[in-house]
Amino acid sequence: MEKICIGSDHGGYELKNKIINLLNNFGYEVKDLGSKEYLPDDDYPDTTKNVAEAISQGIYDKGIVLCGSGVGASVVANKFINVRAAICHDTYSAAQGVEHDDMNVLCLGGRIIGEELANKIVEAFVNAEYKPEKRFQRRKEKLQQIEKNNFS
């Protein structure tokens, strides 16, 4: 079973806790790398950085980051090598992002989507697996070359 980490700032704090409960009910072990209490002045770069570093280093297989819109968390997460993060506010993108692009960090907006939709999106994300078809692998290799050129 995949190892999952999660983190949020104040904008995603309430939804994060609901997602943790959902994943625990599915049998996943989830590590919360974000704020452990509601802190109205915490910042998404700090909470997202913890998750992105853990994914970048291969400590966890998949990560979930939340902020108010998901935008800031996505920007931060993609600053780390080996992290492929995207905002997904629908189930198709959450599954297809993993299957085609080997997305390993799901970004959600705690002020954008409700709990029911978030649960469906998270379920699609964690259940999806990368399909190493020739065209997807070719694209992933191009992305890795871009990372190599820009993060060295």
N, C-alpha and C. Protein backbone atom coordinates (compact mmCIF):
# COMPACT_ATOMS: atom_id res chain seq x y z
N MET A 1 0.84 -1.19 0.00
CA MET A 1 0.00 0.00 0.00
C MET A 1 0.89 1.25 0.00
N GLU A 2 0.48 2.23 -0.74
CA GLU A 2 1.26 3.46 -0.88
C GLU A 2 1.30 4.24 0.43
N LYS A 3 2.42 4.94 0.59
CA LYS A 3 2.59 5.82 1.73
C LYS A 3 2.16 7.22 1.29
N ILE A 4 1.30 7.84 2.09
CA ILE A 4 0.72 9.13 1.73
C ILE A 4 1.03 10.15 2.83
N CYS A 5 1.41 11.36 2.40
CA CYS A 5 1.56 12.47 3.34
C CYS A 5 0.63 13.60 2.90
N ILE A 6 0.32 14.46 3.84
CA ILE A 6 -0.64 15.53 3.60
C ILE A 6 -0.23 16.75 4.41
N GLY A 7 -0.62 17.91 3.92
CA GLY A 7 -0.37 19.14 4.65
C GLY A 7 -1.27 20.25 4.16
N SER A 8 -1.54 21.19 5.06
CA SER A 8 -2.37 22.33 4.67
C SER A 8 -2.04 23.53 5.54
N ASP A 9 -2.38 24.68 5.01
CA ASP A 9 -2.37 25.88 5.83
C ASP A 9 -3.79 26.06 6.38
N HIS A 10 -4.06 27.22 6.94
CA HIS A 10 -5.38 27.48 7.54
C HIS A 10 -6.52 27.38 6.53
N GLY A 11 -6.25 27.71 5.26
CA GLY A 11 -7.29 27.69 4.24
C GLY A 11 -7.79 26.29 3.91
N GLY A 12 -7.00 25.28 4.18
CA GLY A 12 -7.40 23.91 3.89
C GLY A 12 -7.46 23.03 5.12
N TYR A 13 -7.27 23.63 6.29
CA TYR A 13 -7.13 22.86 7.53
C TYR A 13 -8.33 21.95 7.81
N GLU A 14 -9.52 22.50 7.75
CA GLU A 14 -10.72 21.71 8.06
C GLU A 14 -10.89 20.56 7.08
N LEU A 15 -10.73 20.83 5.79
CA LEU A 15 -10.88 19.79 4.78
C LEU A 15 -9.77 18.75 4.90
N LYS A 16 -8.56 19.19 5.24
CA LYS A 16 -7.45 18.25 5.42
C LYS A 16 -7.79 17.18 6.45
N ASN A 17 -8.34 17.60 7.57
CA ASN A 17 -8.67 16.64 8.62
C ASN A 17 -9.73 15.65 8.17
N LYS A 18 -10.66 16.09 7.37
CA LYS A 18 -11.68 15.18 6.83
C LYS A 18 -11.06 14.19 5.84
N ILE A 19 -10.11 14.66 5.04
CA ILE A 19 -9.43 13.78 4.08
C ILE A 19 -8.59 12.74 4.83
N ILE A 20 -7.94 13.14 5.89
CA ILE A 20 -7.16 12.19 6.69
C ILE A 20 -8.08 11.08 7.20
N ASN A 21 -9.24 11.44 7.71
CA ASN A 21 -10.20 10.43 8.19
C ASN A 21 -10.62 9.50 7.06
N LEU A 22 -10.88 10.05 5.89
CA LEU A 22 -11.27 9.24 4.74
C LEU A 22 -10.18 8.23 4.40
N LEU A 23 -8.96 8.70 4.30
CA LEU A 23 -7.84 7.83 3.93
C LEU A 23 -7.59 6.77 5.00
N ASN A 24 -7.72 7.14 6.26
CA ASN A 24 -7.58 6.15 7.32
C ASN A 24 -8.66 5.08 7.21
N ASN A 25 -9.87 5.48 6.86
CA ASN A 25 -10.97 4.52 6.68
C ASN A 25 -10.71 3.59 5.51
N PHE A 26 -9.97 4.05 4.51
CA PHE A 26 -9.58 3.21 3.37
C PHE A 26 -8.41 2.29 3.72
N GLY A 27 -7.82 2.48 4.90
CA GLY A 27 -6.72 1.63 5.34
C GLY A 27 -5.34 2.21 5.08
N TYR A 28 -5.26 3.43 4.59
CA TYR A 28 -3.97 4.07 4.35
C TYR A 28 -3.40 4.62 5.65
N GLU A 29 -2.09 4.57 5.75
CA GLU A 29 -1.41 5.29 6.81
C GLU A 29 -1.06 6.65 6.24
N VAL A 30 -1.52 7.69 6.90
CA VAL A 30 -1.32 9.04 6.40
C VAL A 30 -0.52 9.83 7.42
N LYS A 31 0.51 10.51 6.95
CA LYS A 31 1.32 11.35 7.82
C LYS A 31 0.98 12.81 7.56
N ASP A 32 0.54 13.50 8.59
CA ASP A 32 0.21 14.91 8.49
C ASP A 32 1.48 15.73 8.70
N LEU A 33 1.95 16.36 7.64
CA LEU A 33 3.16 17.17 7.71
C LEU A 33 2.85 18.66 7.77
N GLY A 34 1.58 18.99 7.95
CA GLY A 34 1.17 20.39 8.02
C GLY A 34 0.87 20.81 9.44
N SER A 35 0.15 21.89 9.57
CA SER A 35 -0.22 22.40 10.88
C SER A 35 -1.12 21.40 11.60
N LYS A 36 -0.82 21.17 12.87
CA LYS A 36 -1.60 20.21 13.67
C LYS A 36 -2.79 20.88 14.37
N GLU A 37 -2.83 22.18 14.27
CA GLU A 37 -3.95 22.95 14.82
C GLU A 37 -4.25 24.11 13.87
N TYR A 38 -5.42 24.64 13.99
CA TYR A 38 -5.80 25.77 13.14
C TYR A 38 -4.98 26.99 13.54
N LEU A 39 -4.19 27.49 12.62
CA LEU A 39 -3.37 28.67 12.84
C LEU A 39 -3.70 29.69 11.75
N PRO A 40 -4.46 30.71 12.06
CA PRO A 40 -4.92 31.65 11.02
C PRO A 40 -3.80 32.41 10.32
N ASP A 41 -2.60 32.41 10.87
CA ASP A 41 -1.50 33.15 10.25
C ASP A 41 -0.44 32.25 9.62
N ASP A 42 -0.70 30.93 9.53
CA ASP A 42 0.30 30.08 8.89
C ASP A 42 0.28 30.33 7.38
N ASP A 43 1.34 29.93 6.71
CA ASP A 43 1.50 30.22 5.29
C ASP A 43 1.65 28.93 4.49
N TYR A 44 0.99 28.89 3.33
CA TYR A 44 1.04 27.70 2.48
C TYR A 44 2.45 27.31 2.03
N PRO A 45 3.39 28.25 1.82
CA PRO A 45 4.73 27.80 1.43
C PRO A 45 5.37 26.88 2.48
N ASP A 46 5.12 27.17 3.74
CA ASP A 46 5.72 26.37 4.81
C ASP A 46 5.09 24.98 4.89
N THR A 47 3.78 24.90 4.84
CA THR A 47 3.12 23.60 4.99
C THR A 47 3.28 22.75 3.73
N THR A 48 3.25 23.38 2.57
CA THR A 48 3.42 22.65 1.32
C THR A 48 4.86 22.16 1.17
N LYS A 49 5.81 22.95 1.59
CA LYS A 49 7.23 22.59 1.50
C LYS A 49 7.49 21.25 2.18
N ASN A 50 6.89 21.02 3.32
CA ASN A 50 7.11 19.77 4.06
C ASN A 50 6.70 18.56 3.23
N VAL A 51 5.55 18.65 2.59
CA VAL A 51 5.04 17.54 1.77
C VAL A 51 5.90 17.39 0.52
N ALA A 52 6.19 18.49 -0.15
CA ALA A 52 6.96 18.42 -1.40
C ALA A 52 8.36 17.86 -1.16
N GLU A 53 9.00 18.24 -0.08
CA GLU A 53 10.33 17.69 0.25
C GLU A 53 10.26 16.19 0.47
N ALA A 54 9.23 15.74 1.18
CA ALA A 54 9.08 14.31 1.47
C ALA A 54 8.85 13.51 0.18
N ILE A 55 8.08 14.07 -0.74
CA ILE A 55 7.85 13.40 -2.03
C ILE A 55 9.13 13.43 -2.86
N SER A 56 9.78 14.57 -2.91
CA SER A 56 11.01 14.73 -3.68
C SER A 56 12.08 13.74 -3.24
N GLN A 57 12.14 13.48 -1.95
CA GLN A 57 13.15 12.57 -1.40
C GLN A 57 12.72 11.11 -1.44
N GLY A 58 11.50 10.84 -1.92
CA GLY A 58 11.03 9.47 -2.03
C GLY A 58 10.57 8.85 -0.71
N ILE A 59 10.35 9.66 0.29
CA ILE A 59 9.91 9.15 1.60
C ILE A 59 8.46 8.68 1.53
N TYR A 60 7.65 9.40 0.75
CA TYR A 60 6.24 9.05 0.54
C TYR A 60 6.00 8.89 -0.95
N ASP A 61 4.99 8.08 -1.28
CA ASP A 61 4.64 7.83 -2.68
C ASP A 61 3.77 8.92 -3.27
N LYS A 62 2.81 9.37 -2.48
CA LYS A 62 1.88 10.41 -2.93
C LYS A 62 1.67 11.41 -1.81
N GLY A 63 1.39 12.65 -2.23
CA GLY A 63 1.12 13.70 -1.27
C GLY A 63 -0.11 14.47 -1.65
N ILE A 64 -0.71 15.10 -0.66
CA ILE A 64 -1.87 15.96 -0.86
C ILE A 64 -1.59 17.25 -0.11
N VAL A 65 -1.75 18.37 -0.81
CA VAL A 65 -1.55 19.67 -0.19
C VAL A 65 -2.78 20.53 -0.42
N LEU A 66 -3.12 21.29 0.61
CA LEU A 66 -4.28 22.15 0.54
C LEU A 66 -3.93 23.55 1.00
N CYS A 67 -4.53 24.51 0.33
CA CYS A 67 -4.54 25.89 0.80
C CYS A 67 -5.93 26.42 0.43
N GLY A 68 -6.14 27.70 0.49
CA GLY A 68 -7.47 28.22 0.20
C GLY A 68 -7.96 27.89 -1.19
N SER A 69 -7.12 28.13 -2.20
CA SER A 69 -7.51 27.89 -3.59
C SER A 69 -6.85 26.66 -4.20
N GLY A 70 -5.74 26.23 -3.65
CA GLY A 70 -4.93 25.16 -4.23
C GLY A 70 -3.84 25.71 -5.13
N VAL A 71 -3.96 26.96 -5.55
CA VAL A 71 -3.00 27.55 -6.47
C VAL A 71 -1.64 27.72 -5.82
N GLY A 72 -1.59 28.37 -4.68
CA GLY A 72 -0.30 28.59 -4.01
C GLY A 72 0.40 27.28 -3.69
N ALA A 73 -0.36 26.31 -3.19
CA ALA A 73 0.23 25.00 -2.87
C ALA A 73 0.81 24.36 -4.12
N SER A 74 0.13 24.48 -5.24
CA SER A 74 0.60 23.91 -6.49
C SER A 74 1.90 24.58 -6.93
N VAL A 75 1.95 25.89 -6.83
CA VAL A 75 3.16 26.62 -7.23
C VAL A 75 4.34 26.17 -6.39
N VAL A 76 4.16 26.09 -5.09
CA VAL A 76 5.26 25.70 -4.21
C VAL A 76 5.70 24.26 -4.48
N ALA A 77 4.74 23.35 -4.55
CA ALA A 77 5.08 21.93 -4.72
C ALA A 77 5.90 21.70 -5.98
N ASN A 78 5.61 22.41 -7.04
CA ASN A 78 6.31 22.21 -8.30
C ASN A 78 7.70 22.84 -8.34
N LYS A 79 8.12 23.42 -7.24
CA LYS A 79 9.49 23.96 -7.14
C LYS A 79 10.49 22.88 -6.72
N PHE A 80 10.02 21.66 -6.50
CA PHE A 80 10.86 20.57 -6.03
C PHE A 80 11.04 19.52 -7.12
N ILE A 81 12.26 19.04 -7.25
CA ILE A 81 12.57 18.01 -8.24
C ILE A 81 11.81 16.72 -7.89
N ASN A 82 11.40 16.05 -8.91
CA ASN A 82 10.64 14.78 -8.80
C ASN A 82 9.22 14.96 -8.29
N VAL A 83 8.77 16.19 -8.15
CA VAL A 83 7.39 16.44 -7.74
C VAL A 83 6.60 16.86 -8.96
N ARG A 84 5.50 16.18 -9.16
CA ARG A 84 4.58 16.50 -10.25
C ARG A 84 3.22 16.77 -9.61
N ALA A 85 2.95 18.05 -9.39
CA ALA A 85 1.77 18.47 -8.63
C ALA A 85 0.80 19.21 -9.53
N ALA A 86 -0.48 19.04 -9.24
CA ALA A 86 -1.51 19.76 -9.99
C ALA A 86 -2.75 19.96 -9.14
N ILE A 87 -3.42 21.07 -9.41
CA ILE A 87 -4.72 21.31 -8.81
C ILE A 87 -5.74 20.46 -9.55
N CYS A 88 -6.51 19.74 -8.81
CA CYS A 88 -7.58 18.94 -9.41
C CYS A 88 -8.85 19.16 -8.61
N HIS A 89 -9.84 19.68 -9.27
CA HIS A 89 -11.13 19.87 -8.63
C HIS A 89 -12.20 19.03 -9.31
N ASP A 90 -11.74 17.95 -9.98
CA ASP A 90 -12.65 16.96 -10.57
C ASP A 90 -11.96 15.60 -10.55
N THR A 91 -12.72 14.55 -10.60
CA THR A 91 -12.17 13.20 -10.49
C THR A 91 -11.39 12.78 -11.74
N TYR A 92 -11.82 13.23 -12.90
CA TYR A 92 -11.13 12.86 -14.13
C TYR A 92 -9.68 13.33 -14.10
N SER A 93 -9.46 14.59 -13.78
CA SER A 93 -8.10 15.14 -13.74
C SER A 93 -7.25 14.45 -12.68
N ALA A 94 -7.85 14.14 -11.55
CA ALA A 94 -7.10 13.50 -10.46
C ALA A 94 -6.60 12.12 -10.88
N ALA A 95 -7.43 11.35 -11.56
CA ALA A 95 -7.02 10.02 -12.00
C ALA A 95 -6.10 10.10 -13.22
N GLN A 96 -6.50 10.89 -14.21
CA GLN A 96 -5.72 10.99 -15.43
C GLN A 96 -4.35 11.61 -15.19
N GLY A 97 -4.26 12.53 -14.25
CA GLY A 97 -2.97 13.12 -13.91
C GLY A 97 -1.96 12.09 -13.43
N VAL A 98 -2.45 11.11 -12.69
CA VAL A 98 -1.58 10.02 -12.24
C VAL A 98 -1.30 9.06 -13.38
N GLU A 99 -2.35 8.64 -14.09
CA GLU A 99 -2.23 7.62 -15.12
C GLU A 99 -1.34 8.06 -16.29
N HIS A 100 -1.45 9.31 -16.72
CA HIS A 100 -0.73 9.79 -17.89
C HIS A 100 0.55 10.56 -17.55
N ASP A 101 0.52 11.29 -16.43
CA ASP A 101 1.62 12.21 -16.11
C ASP A 101 2.40 11.82 -14.87
N ASP A 102 2.04 10.72 -14.25
CA ASP A 102 2.68 10.26 -13.02
C ASP A 102 2.65 11.33 -11.94
N MET A 103 1.55 12.07 -11.88
CA MET A 103 1.35 13.09 -10.86
C MET A 103 1.45 12.42 -9.48
N ASN A 104 2.22 13.04 -8.59
CA ASN A 104 2.37 12.45 -7.27
C ASN A 104 1.95 13.36 -6.13
N VAL A 105 1.51 14.57 -6.45
CA VAL A 105 0.98 15.48 -5.44
C VAL A 105 -0.32 16.08 -5.95
N LEU A 106 -1.36 15.88 -5.18
CA LEU A 106 -2.68 16.43 -5.47
C LEU A 106 -2.83 17.73 -4.69
N CYS A 107 -3.21 18.80 -5.37
CA CYS A 107 -3.43 20.11 -4.74
C CYS A 107 -4.91 20.41 -4.75
N LEU A 108 -5.42 20.79 -3.60
CA LEU A 108 -6.85 21.08 -3.46
C LEU A 108 -7.05 22.44 -2.80
N GLY A 109 -8.14 23.09 -3.18
CA GLY A 109 -8.54 24.35 -2.57
C GLY A 109 -9.59 24.13 -1.52
N GLY A 110 -9.23 24.33 -0.28
CA GLY A 110 -10.16 24.13 0.83
C GLY A 110 -11.35 25.08 0.80
N ARG A 111 -11.21 26.20 0.10
CA ARG A 111 -12.31 27.15 -0.02
C ARG A 111 -13.04 27.01 -1.36
N ILE A 112 -12.61 26.04 -2.18
CA ILE A 112 -13.16 25.88 -3.52
C ILE A 112 -14.13 24.71 -3.60
N ILE A 113 -13.77 23.59 -2.99
CA ILE A 113 -14.61 22.39 -3.10
C ILE A 113 -15.07 21.94 -1.72
N GLY A 114 -16.18 21.23 -1.72
CA GLY A 114 -16.72 20.70 -0.48
C GLY A 114 -16.19 19.31 -0.18
N GLU A 115 -16.58 18.82 0.98
CA GLU A 115 -16.07 17.54 1.46
C GLU A 115 -16.44 16.37 0.55
N GLU A 116 -17.66 16.31 0.08
CA GLU A 116 -18.08 15.17 -0.74
C GLU A 116 -17.28 15.08 -2.03
N LEU A 117 -17.14 16.20 -2.74
CA LEU A 117 -16.34 16.20 -3.97
C LEU A 117 -14.88 15.93 -3.66
N ALA A 118 -14.35 16.53 -2.62
CA ALA A 118 -12.96 16.30 -2.24
C ALA A 118 -12.70 14.82 -1.99
N ASN A 119 -13.61 14.16 -1.32
CA ASN A 119 -13.46 12.73 -1.05
C ASN A 119 -13.37 11.93 -2.34
N LYS A 120 -14.22 12.26 -3.30
CA LYS A 120 -14.21 11.55 -4.58
C LYS A 120 -12.91 11.81 -5.34
N ILE A 121 -12.43 13.03 -5.29
CA ILE A 121 -11.19 13.39 -5.98
C ILE A 121 -10.01 12.67 -5.34
N VAL A 122 -9.95 12.67 -4.03
CA VAL A 122 -8.87 11.98 -3.32
C VAL A 122 -8.91 10.49 -3.61
N GLU A 123 -10.08 9.92 -3.61
CA GLU A 123 -10.21 8.49 -3.92
C GLU A 123 -9.71 8.19 -5.34
N ALA A 124 -10.07 9.03 -6.30
CA ALA A 124 -9.59 8.84 -7.67
C ALA A 124 -8.08 8.96 -7.73
N PHE A 125 -7.51 9.90 -7.02
CA PHE A 125 -6.06 10.12 -7.00
C PHE A 125 -5.32 8.93 -6.40
N VAL A 126 -5.73 8.48 -5.24
CA VAL A 126 -4.98 7.41 -4.57
C VAL A 126 -5.16 6.05 -5.24
N ASN A 127 -6.28 5.86 -5.93
CA ASN A 127 -6.53 4.59 -6.60
C ASN A 127 -5.90 4.51 -8.00
N ALA A 128 -5.52 5.65 -8.54
CA ALA A 128 -4.95 5.67 -9.89
C ALA A 128 -3.49 5.22 -9.85
N GLU A 129 -3.06 4.59 -10.95
CA GLU A 129 -1.67 4.16 -11.09
C GLU A 129 -1.15 4.64 -12.44
N TYR A 130 0.12 5.00 -12.43
CA TYR A 130 0.78 5.44 -13.66
C TYR A 130 0.77 4.31 -14.68
N LYS A 131 0.44 4.65 -15.92
CA LYS A 131 0.45 3.69 -17.03
C LYS A 131 1.67 3.99 -17.89
N PRO A 132 2.71 3.18 -17.80
CA PRO A 132 3.95 3.49 -18.52
C PRO A 132 3.89 3.18 -20.01
N GLU A 133 2.81 3.63 -20.65
CA GLU A 133 2.71 3.48 -22.10
C GLU A 133 3.80 4.33 -22.75
N LYS A 134 4.13 3.97 -23.96
CA LYS A 134 5.24 4.61 -24.66
C LYS A 134 5.10 6.13 -24.70
N ARG A 135 3.93 6.64 -25.07
CA ARG A 135 3.77 8.10 -25.18
C ARG A 135 3.84 8.79 -23.83
N PHE A 136 3.33 8.16 -22.77
CA PHE A 136 3.38 8.76 -21.44
C PHE A 136 4.82 8.74 -20.91
N GLN A 137 5.52 7.65 -21.17
CA GLN A 137 6.91 7.55 -20.73
C GLN A 137 7.78 8.56 -21.47
N ARG A 138 7.52 8.73 -22.76
CA ARG A 138 8.28 9.72 -23.54
C ARG A 138 8.09 11.12 -22.94
N ARG A 139 6.88 11.45 -22.58
CA ARG A 139 6.60 12.77 -22.01
C ARG A 139 7.23 12.92 -20.63
N LYS A 140 7.18 11.86 -19.85
CA LYS A 140 7.79 11.91 -18.52
C LYS A 140 9.30 12.11 -18.64
N GLU A 141 9.92 11.44 -19.59
CA GLU A 141 11.36 11.60 -19.80
C GLU A 141 11.69 13.03 -20.20
N LYS A 142 10.85 13.66 -21.01
CA LYS A 142 11.07 15.06 -21.39
C LYS A 142 10.96 15.96 -20.16
N LEU A 143 9.99 15.69 -19.33
CA LEU A 143 9.83 16.46 -18.09
C LEU A 143 11.06 16.29 -17.20
N GLN A 144 11.55 15.08 -17.08
CA GLN A 144 12.74 14.83 -16.26
C GLN A 144 13.95 15.56 -16.82
N GLN A 145 14.05 15.66 -18.13
CA GLN A 145 15.16 16.41 -18.73
C GLN A 145 15.03 17.90 -18.42
N ILE A 146 13.83 18.42 -18.47
CA ILE A 146 13.60 19.82 -18.11
C ILE A 146 14.01 20.06 -16.66
N GLU A 147 13.60 19.14 -15.77
CA GLU A 147 14.00 19.25 -14.36
C GLU A 147 15.52 19.26 -14.23
N LYS A 148 16.16 18.32 -14.91
CA LYS A 148 17.62 18.20 -14.84
C LYS A 148 18.28 19.51 -15.28
N ASN A 149 17.77 20.09 -16.37
CA ASN A 149 18.35 21.33 -16.89
C ASN A 149 18.10 22.52 -15.98
N ASN A 150 16.97 22.56 -15.35
CA ASN A 150 16.59 23.75 -14.58
C ASN A 150 16.83 23.65 -13.09
N PHE A 151 16.98 22.45 -12.56
CA PHE A 151 17.17 22.31 -11.11
C PHE A 151 18.60 21.93 -10.75
N SER A 152 19.50 21.93 -11.71
CA SER A 152 20.87 21.53 -11.38
C SER A 152 21.70 22.70 -10.88
